[in-house]
Amino acid sequence: MELCQNRRDIYQNIEYYDEFSTIIKYLLPLNEVIFDLFDKLKSCTRGYANLDYEFYEYRESNLAKMDILINGKVIDLFSTIVYKPNAYNRGLEIIKKLENIIPRYQFEIALQVALNNKIIARSNIKAVQKDVLAKCYGGDNIILKRKLLEKQKKGKKPMKQISSIEIPQDAFIKIFAV
């Protein structure tokens, strides 16, 4: 019952057949059933519960298009329709998975979640750091170190604008697999 109550449910009724069998009826949006209800039901009941569903009717819902942006570019592969109140959590979930899937580059990569073209969440993949100060020793001048870091910063700026991010082939499966 708790599982269904967390999924935009409408409770219908409960029927007891004997001391071991119970039927609980809920109205749930199809999206909630498809996403991962069956797996969660089996895991929380240790495999004893069963799920049967049928179409009831079409209803209006509070939905919006959620886009995932990588370095400011919309990746259509990850765009999805979500229930607005759950969009922030769902978006964070996706970009946290993307952080682990996308390899690091020599520049910082911005991952963003946009809901109706408005950014609602953001995360960054840190840049791979090349140690430009390795040839400077303990007594070297602080100005020299600063110059080397500024030179590195200038080199990374055009690199970020020109280069493209390669997303691994299995990223979509890893992100949307429950």
N, C-alpha and C. Protein backbone atom coordinates (compact mmCIF):
# COMPACT_ATOMS: atom_id res chain seq x y z
N MET A 1 0.83 -1.20 0.00
CA MET A 1 0.00 0.00 0.00
C MET A 1 0.87 1.25 0.00
N GLU A 2 1.95 1.21 0.77
CA GLU A 2 2.84 2.37 0.84
C GLU A 2 3.49 2.64 -0.52
N LEU A 3 3.80 1.60 -1.25
CA LEU A 3 4.39 1.73 -2.57
C LEU A 3 3.47 2.49 -3.52
N CYS A 4 2.19 2.17 -3.51
CA CYS A 4 1.23 2.83 -4.39
C CYS A 4 0.94 4.26 -3.93
N GLN A 5 0.95 4.49 -2.64
CA GLN A 5 0.65 5.82 -2.12
C GLN A 5 1.71 6.84 -2.51
N ASN A 6 2.91 6.37 -2.83
CA ASN A 6 3.98 7.28 -3.26
C ASN A 6 3.96 7.53 -4.76
N ARG A 7 2.94 7.05 -5.46
CA ARG A 7 2.92 7.10 -6.93
C ARG A 7 1.64 7.71 -7.49
N ARG A 8 1.17 8.79 -6.96
CA ARG A 8 -0.01 9.50 -7.48
C ARG A 8 -1.23 8.58 -7.59
N ASP A 9 -1.50 7.85 -6.58
CA ASP A 9 -2.56 6.84 -6.62
C ASP A 9 -3.93 7.39 -6.23
N ILE A 10 -4.95 6.62 -6.56
CA ILE A 10 -6.31 6.84 -6.04
C ILE A 10 -6.75 5.48 -5.50
N TYR A 11 -6.91 5.40 -4.21
CA TYR A 11 -7.29 4.14 -3.57
C TYR A 11 -8.73 3.78 -3.93
N GLN A 12 -8.97 2.53 -4.32
CA GLN A 12 -10.31 2.06 -4.67
C GLN A 12 -10.92 1.23 -3.54
N ASN A 13 -10.40 0.03 -3.34
CA ASN A 13 -10.90 -0.83 -2.26
C ASN A 13 -9.92 -1.95 -1.96
N ILE A 14 -10.25 -2.71 -0.94
CA ILE A 14 -9.45 -3.86 -0.54
C ILE A 14 -10.40 -5.02 -0.29
N GLU A 15 -10.05 -6.19 -0.80
CA GLU A 15 -10.87 -7.39 -0.64
C GLU A 15 -10.03 -8.49 -0.01
N TYR A 16 -10.57 -9.14 1.01
CA TYR A 16 -9.90 -10.26 1.67
C TYR A 16 -10.58 -11.55 1.25
N TYR A 17 -9.82 -12.48 0.66
CA TYR A 17 -10.38 -13.76 0.26
C TYR A 17 -10.21 -14.81 1.34
N ASP A 18 -9.06 -14.88 1.91
CA ASP A 18 -8.80 -15.75 3.06
C ASP A 18 -7.66 -15.13 3.84
N GLU A 19 -7.12 -15.86 4.78
CA GLU A 19 -6.08 -15.27 5.62
C GLU A 19 -4.76 -15.03 4.88
N PHE A 20 -4.61 -15.60 3.67
CA PHE A 20 -3.38 -15.44 2.91
C PHE A 20 -3.54 -14.60 1.64
N SER A 21 -4.76 -14.36 1.20
CA SER A 21 -4.98 -13.67 -0.08
C SER A 21 -5.76 -12.38 0.11
N THR A 22 -5.22 -11.31 -0.49
CA THR A 22 -5.85 -9.99 -0.43
C THR A 22 -5.71 -9.33 -1.80
N ILE A 23 -6.75 -8.62 -2.23
CA ILE A 23 -6.68 -7.84 -3.45
C ILE A 23 -6.86 -6.38 -3.07
N ILE A 24 -5.88 -5.58 -3.47
CA ILE A 24 -5.94 -4.14 -3.21
C ILE A 24 -6.04 -3.45 -4.56
N LYS A 25 -7.02 -2.58 -4.74
CA LYS A 25 -7.23 -1.91 -6.02
C LYS A 25 -6.91 -0.43 -5.90
N TYR A 26 -6.11 0.02 -6.86
CA TYR A 26 -5.71 1.42 -6.95
C TYR A 26 -5.86 1.88 -8.39
N LEU A 27 -6.08 3.17 -8.58
CA LEU A 27 -5.98 3.78 -9.90
C LEU A 27 -4.63 4.48 -9.93
N LEU A 28 -3.79 4.10 -10.88
CA LEU A 28 -2.46 4.67 -11.01
C LEU A 28 -2.25 5.15 -12.45
N PRO A 29 -1.52 6.23 -12.65
CA PRO A 29 -1.17 6.62 -14.02
C PRO A 29 -0.28 5.54 -14.65
N LEU A 30 -0.44 5.32 -15.94
CA LEU A 30 0.32 4.28 -16.63
C LEU A 30 1.82 4.51 -16.51
N ASN A 31 2.24 5.75 -16.52
CA ASN A 31 3.66 6.08 -16.37
C ASN A 31 4.22 5.50 -15.07
N GLU A 32 3.48 5.57 -14.01
CA GLU A 32 3.93 5.06 -12.71
C GLU A 32 4.02 3.54 -12.71
N VAL A 33 3.14 2.90 -13.47
CA VAL A 33 3.15 1.44 -13.56
C VAL A 33 4.34 0.98 -14.40
N ILE A 34 4.56 1.66 -15.52
CA ILE A 34 5.62 1.26 -16.45
C ILE A 34 7.00 1.49 -15.86
N PHE A 35 7.20 2.60 -15.19
CA PHE A 35 8.55 3.02 -14.81
C PHE A 35 9.28 1.96 -14.00
N ASP A 36 8.80 1.57 -12.84
CA ASP A 36 9.47 0.51 -12.08
C ASP A 36 8.60 -0.07 -10.98
N LEU A 37 7.30 0.03 -11.13
CA LEU A 37 6.39 -0.46 -10.08
C LEU A 37 6.53 -1.96 -9.86
N PHE A 38 6.59 -2.73 -10.92
CA PHE A 38 6.62 -4.19 -10.78
C PHE A 38 7.87 -4.63 -10.01
N ASP A 39 9.03 -4.09 -10.38
CA ASP A 39 10.27 -4.46 -9.69
C ASP A 39 10.24 -4.08 -8.22
N LYS A 40 9.74 -2.89 -7.93
CA LYS A 40 9.66 -2.45 -6.53
C LYS A 40 8.67 -3.31 -5.74
N LEU A 41 7.56 -3.67 -6.38
CA LEU A 41 6.55 -4.50 -5.74
C LEU A 41 7.13 -5.86 -5.38
N LYS A 42 7.84 -6.47 -6.31
CA LYS A 42 8.46 -7.77 -6.06
C LYS A 42 9.52 -7.70 -4.97
N SER A 43 10.31 -6.63 -4.96
CA SER A 43 11.36 -6.54 -3.96
C SER A 43 10.82 -6.24 -2.57
N CYS A 44 9.78 -5.40 -2.45
CA CYS A 44 9.27 -5.07 -1.11
C CYS A 44 8.39 -6.19 -0.53
N THR A 45 7.90 -7.10 -1.38
CA THR A 45 7.09 -8.22 -0.87
C THR A 45 7.84 -9.54 -0.95
N ARG A 46 9.13 -9.47 -1.24
CA ARG A 46 9.99 -10.64 -1.37
C ARG A 46 9.46 -11.64 -2.41
N GLY A 47 8.83 -11.10 -3.45
CA GLY A 47 8.38 -11.93 -4.56
C GLY A 47 7.00 -12.52 -4.42
N TYR A 48 6.30 -12.25 -3.31
CA TYR A 48 4.99 -12.87 -3.10
C TYR A 48 3.84 -12.13 -3.79
N ALA A 49 3.96 -10.83 -3.94
CA ALA A 49 2.85 -10.06 -4.52
C ALA A 49 2.82 -10.23 -6.03
N ASN A 50 1.66 -9.99 -6.58
CA ASN A 50 1.47 -10.07 -8.02
C ASN A 50 0.80 -8.78 -8.48
N LEU A 51 0.97 -8.44 -9.76
CA LEU A 51 0.43 -7.21 -10.29
C LEU A 51 -0.41 -7.53 -11.52
N ASP A 52 -1.60 -6.99 -11.55
CA ASP A 52 -2.46 -7.11 -12.71
C ASP A 52 -3.03 -5.72 -12.96
N TYR A 53 -3.04 -5.28 -14.20
CA TYR A 53 -3.54 -3.94 -14.49
C TYR A 53 -4.36 -3.95 -15.76
N GLU A 54 -5.24 -2.96 -15.86
CA GLU A 54 -6.03 -2.76 -17.07
C GLU A 54 -6.28 -1.27 -17.25
N PHE A 55 -6.52 -0.88 -18.49
CA PHE A 55 -6.76 0.52 -18.80
C PHE A 55 -8.10 0.96 -18.21
N TYR A 56 -8.11 2.14 -17.60
CA TYR A 56 -9.35 2.66 -17.01
C TYR A 56 -9.90 3.82 -17.84
N GLU A 57 -9.12 4.92 -17.95
CA GLU A 57 -9.53 6.06 -18.76
C GLU A 57 -8.35 7.03 -18.92
N TYR A 58 -8.48 7.91 -19.89
CA TYR A 58 -7.50 8.97 -20.06
C TYR A 58 -7.83 10.10 -19.10
N ARG A 59 -6.77 10.67 -18.48
CA ARG A 59 -6.96 11.80 -17.57
C ARG A 59 -5.88 12.84 -17.83
N GLU A 60 -6.23 14.07 -17.54
CA GLU A 60 -5.27 15.15 -17.67
C GLU A 60 -4.32 15.11 -16.48
N SER A 61 -3.05 15.45 -16.75
CA SER A 61 -2.06 15.43 -15.68
C SER A 61 -1.12 16.62 -15.82
N ASN A 62 -0.40 16.92 -14.77
CA ASN A 62 0.53 18.04 -14.71
C ASN A 62 1.90 17.58 -15.21
N LEU A 63 2.08 17.52 -16.54
CA LEU A 63 3.31 17.00 -17.14
C LEU A 63 4.09 18.11 -17.83
N ALA A 64 5.38 17.88 -18.00
CA ALA A 64 6.24 18.83 -18.72
C ALA A 64 7.39 18.08 -19.37
N LYS A 65 7.98 18.70 -20.39
CA LYS A 65 9.13 18.10 -21.07
C LYS A 65 10.39 18.46 -20.30
N MET A 66 11.18 17.44 -19.97
CA MET A 66 12.43 17.64 -19.26
C MET A 66 13.58 17.33 -20.22
N ASP A 67 14.49 18.29 -20.38
CA ASP A 67 15.64 18.13 -21.26
C ASP A 67 16.91 18.03 -20.42
N ILE A 68 17.87 17.28 -20.92
CA ILE A 68 19.19 17.21 -20.31
C ILE A 68 20.16 17.93 -21.25
N LEU A 69 20.90 18.89 -20.70
CA LEU A 69 21.86 19.65 -21.48
C LEU A 69 23.27 19.27 -21.05
N ILE A 70 24.12 19.03 -22.03
CA ILE A 70 25.53 18.77 -21.75
C ILE A 70 26.32 19.87 -22.43
N ASN A 71 27.00 20.67 -21.62
CA ASN A 71 27.72 21.87 -22.08
C ASN A 71 26.82 22.80 -22.87
N GLY A 72 25.59 22.97 -22.42
CA GLY A 72 24.67 23.91 -23.04
C GLY A 72 23.94 23.39 -24.25
N LYS A 73 24.20 22.16 -24.67
CA LYS A 73 23.53 21.58 -25.84
C LYS A 73 22.51 20.55 -25.38
N VAL A 74 21.30 20.67 -25.89
CA VAL A 74 20.24 19.72 -25.54
C VAL A 74 20.54 18.38 -26.19
N ILE A 75 20.50 17.32 -25.40
CA ILE A 75 20.69 15.97 -25.91
C ILE A 75 19.31 15.33 -25.98
N ASP A 76 18.78 15.23 -27.21
CA ASP A 76 17.41 14.73 -27.40
C ASP A 76 17.22 13.31 -26.90
N LEU A 77 18.28 12.54 -26.90
CA LEU A 77 18.22 11.15 -26.45
C LEU A 77 17.73 11.04 -25.01
N PHE A 78 18.06 12.02 -24.18
CA PHE A 78 17.70 11.98 -22.76
C PHE A 78 16.46 12.80 -22.42
N SER A 79 15.83 13.43 -23.41
CA SER A 79 14.61 14.21 -23.14
C SER A 79 13.47 13.26 -22.80
N THR A 80 12.64 13.69 -21.87
CA THR A 80 11.53 12.84 -21.43
C THR A 80 10.38 13.69 -20.90
N ILE A 81 9.21 13.11 -20.85
CA ILE A 81 8.04 13.77 -20.27
C ILE A 81 7.92 13.30 -18.82
N VAL A 82 7.84 14.25 -17.88
CA VAL A 82 7.78 13.90 -16.46
C VAL A 82 6.64 14.63 -15.77
N TYR A 83 6.25 14.10 -14.64
CA TYR A 83 5.28 14.74 -13.77
C TYR A 83 6.00 15.91 -13.10
N LYS A 84 5.47 17.13 -13.24
CA LYS A 84 6.18 18.34 -12.81
C LYS A 84 6.70 18.30 -11.37
N PRO A 85 5.89 17.92 -10.38
CA PRO A 85 6.44 17.92 -9.01
C PRO A 85 7.60 16.95 -8.80
N ASN A 86 7.75 15.92 -9.64
CA ASN A 86 8.85 14.97 -9.50
C ASN A 86 10.02 15.29 -10.42
N ALA A 87 9.94 16.35 -11.20
CA ALA A 87 10.94 16.65 -12.23
C ALA A 87 12.32 16.91 -11.64
N TYR A 88 12.41 17.67 -10.57
CA TYR A 88 13.70 18.01 -9.98
C TYR A 88 14.43 16.74 -9.53
N ASN A 89 13.75 15.89 -8.78
CA ASN A 89 14.39 14.66 -8.28
C ASN A 89 14.76 13.72 -9.41
N ARG A 90 13.89 13.60 -10.40
CA ARG A 90 14.15 12.72 -11.54
C ARG A 90 15.34 13.26 -12.35
N GLY A 91 15.41 14.57 -12.53
CA GLY A 91 16.52 15.19 -13.25
C GLY A 91 17.85 15.00 -12.53
N LEU A 92 17.85 15.20 -11.22
CA LEU A 92 19.07 14.99 -10.43
C LEU A 92 19.55 13.55 -10.53
N GLU A 93 18.61 12.63 -10.50
CA GLU A 93 18.93 11.21 -10.61
C GLU A 93 19.67 10.93 -11.94
N ILE A 94 19.17 11.52 -13.02
CA ILE A 94 19.77 11.30 -14.34
C ILE A 94 21.16 11.91 -14.43
N ILE A 95 21.33 13.16 -13.95
CA ILE A 95 22.66 13.78 -14.09
C ILE A 95 23.68 13.15 -13.14
N LYS A 96 23.25 12.60 -12.02
CA LYS A 96 24.19 11.89 -11.14
C LYS A 96 24.70 10.63 -11.84
N LYS A 97 23.81 9.95 -12.58
CA LYS A 97 24.24 8.78 -13.34
C LYS A 97 25.16 9.19 -14.49
N LEU A 98 24.84 10.31 -15.14
CA LEU A 98 25.68 10.79 -16.25
C LEU A 98 27.09 11.16 -15.77
N GLU A 99 27.20 11.68 -14.56
CA GLU A 99 28.51 12.03 -14.01
C GLU A 99 29.44 10.81 -13.97
N ASN A 100 28.86 9.65 -13.68
CA ASN A 100 29.65 8.43 -13.60
C ASN A 100 29.91 7.79 -14.96
N ILE A 101 29.07 8.12 -15.95
CA ILE A 101 29.18 7.49 -17.27
C ILE A 101 30.11 8.28 -18.20
N ILE A 102 29.97 9.60 -18.23
CA ILE A 102 30.76 10.42 -19.16
C ILE A 102 32.19 10.53 -18.65
N PRO A 103 33.16 10.24 -19.51
CA PRO A 103 34.56 10.34 -19.07
C PRO A 103 34.97 11.80 -18.85
N ARG A 104 36.01 12.01 -18.05
CA ARG A 104 36.50 13.35 -17.78
C ARG A 104 37.36 13.84 -18.94
N TYR A 105 37.28 15.14 -19.20
CA TYR A 105 38.07 15.79 -20.26
C TYR A 105 39.00 16.80 -19.60
N GLN A 106 39.77 17.52 -20.41
CA GLN A 106 40.69 18.51 -19.86
C GLN A 106 40.00 19.82 -19.53
N PHE A 107 38.69 19.86 -19.67
CA PHE A 107 37.91 21.03 -19.31
C PHE A 107 36.67 20.57 -18.55
N GLU A 108 36.07 21.47 -17.81
CA GLU A 108 34.90 21.15 -17.00
C GLU A 108 33.66 20.99 -17.90
N ILE A 109 32.85 20.00 -17.61
CA ILE A 109 31.64 19.73 -18.39
C ILE A 109 30.43 20.05 -17.52
N ALA A 110 29.53 20.88 -18.03
CA ALA A 110 28.32 21.26 -17.30
C ALA A 110 27.18 20.33 -17.69
N LEU A 111 26.54 19.73 -16.69
CA LEU A 111 25.34 18.91 -16.90
C LEU A 111 24.18 19.68 -16.30
N GLN A 112 23.12 19.89 -17.09
CA GLN A 112 21.98 20.68 -16.61
C GLN A 112 20.68 19.96 -16.92
N VAL A 113 19.67 20.24 -16.09
CA VAL A 113 18.32 19.74 -16.32
C VAL A 113 17.44 20.95 -16.57
N ALA A 114 16.72 20.93 -17.70
CA ALA A 114 15.83 22.04 -18.04
C ALA A 114 14.39 21.52 -18.11
N LEU A 115 13.50 22.27 -17.49
CA LEU A 115 12.07 21.95 -17.52
C LEU A 115 11.38 23.11 -18.23
N ASN A 116 10.82 22.85 -19.40
CA ASN A 116 10.21 23.90 -20.22
C ASN A 116 11.19 25.06 -20.46
N ASN A 117 12.41 24.72 -20.84
CA ASN A 117 13.48 25.68 -21.15
C ASN A 117 13.96 26.51 -19.97
N LYS A 118 13.70 26.07 -18.76
CA LYS A 118 14.19 26.75 -17.56
C LYS A 118 15.07 25.75 -16.80
N ILE A 119 16.30 26.16 -16.48
CA ILE A 119 17.24 25.28 -15.78
C ILE A 119 16.78 25.09 -14.34
N ILE A 120 16.61 23.81 -13.94
CA ILE A 120 16.16 23.53 -12.57
C ILE A 120 17.22 22.82 -11.73
N ALA A 121 18.22 22.23 -12.39
CA ALA A 121 19.29 21.55 -11.65
C ALA A 121 20.57 21.57 -12.48
N ARG A 122 21.70 21.53 -11.79
CA ARG A 122 22.98 21.57 -12.48
C ARG A 122 24.02 20.80 -11.69
N SER A 123 24.94 20.22 -12.44
CA SER A 123 26.08 19.54 -11.85
C SER A 123 27.25 19.66 -12.81
N ASN A 124 28.46 19.49 -12.33
CA ASN A 124 29.65 19.60 -13.17
C ASN A 124 30.48 18.34 -13.08
N ILE A 125 31.10 18.01 -14.20
CA ILE A 125 32.12 16.96 -14.21
C ILE A 125 33.45 17.70 -14.20
N LYS A 126 34.22 17.50 -13.18
CA LYS A 126 35.47 18.23 -13.01
C LYS A 126 36.46 17.89 -14.12
N ALA A 127 37.32 18.85 -14.42
CA ALA A 127 38.33 18.68 -15.46
C ALA A 127 39.48 17.81 -14.96
N VAL A 128 40.11 17.12 -15.89
CA VAL A 128 41.33 16.40 -15.58
C VAL A 128 42.42 17.44 -15.42
N GLN A 129 43.11 17.44 -14.32
CA GLN A 129 44.11 18.46 -14.06
C GLN A 129 45.49 17.99 -14.50
N LYS A 130 46.11 18.79 -15.35
CA LYS A 130 47.50 18.55 -15.72
C LYS A 130 48.33 19.41 -14.78
N ASP A 131 49.36 18.82 -14.22
CA ASP A 131 50.17 19.54 -13.23
C ASP A 131 51.19 20.42 -13.94
N VAL A 132 50.82 21.68 -14.20
CA VAL A 132 51.74 22.62 -14.87
C VAL A 132 52.78 23.17 -13.92
N LEU A 133 52.56 22.98 -12.63
CA LEU A 133 53.51 23.50 -11.64
C LEU A 133 54.57 22.46 -11.25
N ALA A 134 54.59 21.32 -11.95
CA ALA A 134 55.51 20.25 -11.59
C ALA A 134 56.97 20.68 -11.71
N LYS A 135 57.25 21.54 -12.71
CA LYS A 135 58.64 21.95 -12.89
C LYS A 135 59.04 23.11 -11.98
N CYS A 136 58.09 23.66 -11.22
CA CYS A 136 58.41 24.71 -10.25
C CYS A 136 58.75 24.04 -8.92
N TYR A 137 59.81 24.50 -8.31
CA TYR A 137 60.23 23.91 -7.05
C TYR A 137 59.92 24.86 -5.91
N GLY A 138 60.09 24.39 -4.70
CA GLY A 138 59.71 25.11 -3.49
C GLY A 138 60.06 26.59 -3.45
N GLY A 139 61.25 26.99 -3.92
CA GLY A 139 61.67 28.38 -3.81
C GLY A 139 61.29 29.24 -5.00
N ASP A 140 60.58 28.69 -5.99
CA ASP A 140 60.25 29.45 -7.19
C ASP A 140 59.29 30.59 -6.88
N ASN A 141 59.30 31.54 -7.75
CA ASN A 141 58.53 32.76 -7.60
C ASN A 141 57.03 32.48 -7.73
N ILE A 142 56.21 33.10 -6.89
CA ILE A 142 54.75 32.94 -6.92
C ILE A 142 54.17 33.53 -8.20
N ILE A 143 54.83 34.55 -8.75
CA ILE A 143 54.37 35.19 -9.99
C ILE A 143 54.52 34.22 -11.16
N LEU A 144 55.60 33.46 -11.18
CA LEU A 144 55.81 32.46 -12.23
C LEU A 144 54.72 31.39 -12.18
N LYS A 145 54.38 30.96 -11.00
CA LYS A 145 53.32 29.95 -10.85
C LYS A 145 51.98 30.48 -11.34
N ARG A 146 51.68 31.71 -10.98
CA ARG A 146 50.42 32.33 -11.41
C ARG A 146 50.36 32.44 -12.93
N LYS A 147 51.50 32.82 -13.56
CA LYS A 147 51.56 32.93 -15.02
C LYS A 147 51.28 31.58 -15.68
N LEU A 148 51.86 30.53 -15.15
CA LEU A 148 51.65 29.20 -15.72
C LEU A 148 50.18 28.78 -15.61
N LEU A 149 49.56 29.07 -14.49
CA LEU A 149 48.14 28.71 -14.30
C LEU A 149 47.24 29.53 -15.23
N GLU A 150 47.54 30.81 -15.42
CA GLU A 150 46.77 31.65 -16.33
C GLU A 150 46.90 31.17 -17.77
N LYS A 151 48.11 30.76 -18.16
CA LYS A 151 48.35 30.26 -19.51
C LYS A 151 47.53 28.98 -19.74
N GLN A 152 47.48 28.12 -18.73
CA GLN A 152 46.69 26.89 -18.83
C GLN A 152 45.20 27.22 -18.97
N LYS A 153 44.73 28.20 -18.20
CA LYS A 153 43.33 28.61 -18.24
C LYS A 153 42.94 29.13 -19.62
N LYS A 154 43.83 29.94 -20.24
CA LYS A 154 43.58 30.47 -21.59
C LYS A 154 43.52 29.36 -22.62
N GLY A 155 44.32 28.33 -22.46
CA GLY A 155 44.34 27.21 -23.40
C GLY A 155 43.09 26.36 -23.32
N LYS A 156 42.49 26.28 -22.14
CA LYS A 156 41.30 25.45 -21.96
C LYS A 156 40.03 26.10 -22.49
N LYS A 157 40.01 27.43 -22.53
CA LYS A 157 38.81 28.14 -22.98
C LYS A 157 38.42 27.80 -24.42
N PRO A 158 39.32 27.92 -25.40
CA PRO A 158 38.93 27.54 -26.77
C PRO A 158 38.69 26.04 -26.91
N MET A 159 39.40 25.25 -26.11
CA MET A 159 39.23 23.80 -26.16
C MET A 159 37.80 23.42 -25.80
N LYS A 160 37.25 24.10 -24.82
CA LYS A 160 35.88 23.82 -24.38
C LYS A 160 34.87 24.20 -25.46
N GLN A 161 35.13 25.30 -26.18
CA GLN A 161 34.20 25.76 -27.21
C GLN A 161 34.25 24.90 -28.46
N ILE A 162 35.42 24.42 -28.83
CA ILE A 162 35.60 23.68 -30.08
C ILE A 162 35.23 22.20 -29.94
N SER A 163 35.70 21.58 -28.89
CA SER A 163 35.56 20.13 -28.78
C SER A 163 34.14 19.70 -28.45
N SER A 164 33.84 18.47 -28.79
CA SER A 164 32.52 17.92 -28.49
C SER A 164 32.68 16.78 -27.48
N ILE A 165 31.65 16.59 -26.72
CA ILE A 165 31.65 15.55 -25.69
C ILE A 165 31.13 14.27 -26.31
N GLU A 166 31.85 13.18 -26.13
CA GLU A 166 31.40 11.89 -26.63
C GLU A 166 30.71 11.14 -25.50
N ILE A 167 29.47 10.77 -25.76
CA ILE A 167 28.69 10.03 -24.78
C ILE A 167 28.78 8.56 -25.16
N PRO A 168 29.15 7.69 -24.22
CA PRO A 168 29.26 6.26 -24.53
C PRO A 168 27.94 5.68 -25.08
N GLN A 169 28.06 4.66 -25.92
CA GLN A 169 26.90 4.05 -26.58
C GLN A 169 25.87 3.50 -25.59
N ASP A 170 26.33 2.93 -24.50
CA ASP A 170 25.41 2.29 -23.56
C ASP A 170 24.89 3.24 -22.48
N ALA A 171 25.12 4.54 -22.62
CA ALA A 171 24.69 5.52 -21.61
C ALA A 171 23.19 5.52 -21.42
N PHE A 172 22.43 5.47 -22.52
CA PHE A 172 20.98 5.51 -22.43
C PHE A 172 20.45 4.31 -21.64
N ILE A 173 20.99 3.15 -21.90
CA ILE A 173 20.54 1.94 -21.20
C ILE A 173 20.89 2.03 -19.72
N LYS A 174 22.09 2.51 -19.41
CA LYS A 174 22.51 2.62 -18.00
C LYS A 174 21.67 3.63 -17.24
N ILE A 175 21.27 4.73 -17.90
CA ILE A 175 20.53 5.78 -17.20
C ILE A 175 19.09 5.38 -16.95
N PHE A 176 18.44 4.81 -17.93
CA PHE A 176 17.02 4.50 -17.78
C PHE A 176 16.75 3.09 -17.28
N ALA A 177 17.78 2.29 -17.07
CA ALA A 177 17.60 0.98 -16.44
C ALA A 177 17.40 1.21 -14.95
N VAL A 178 16.48 0.49 -14.38
CA VAL A 178 16.15 0.69 -12.97
C VAL A 178 17.00 -0.18 -12.10
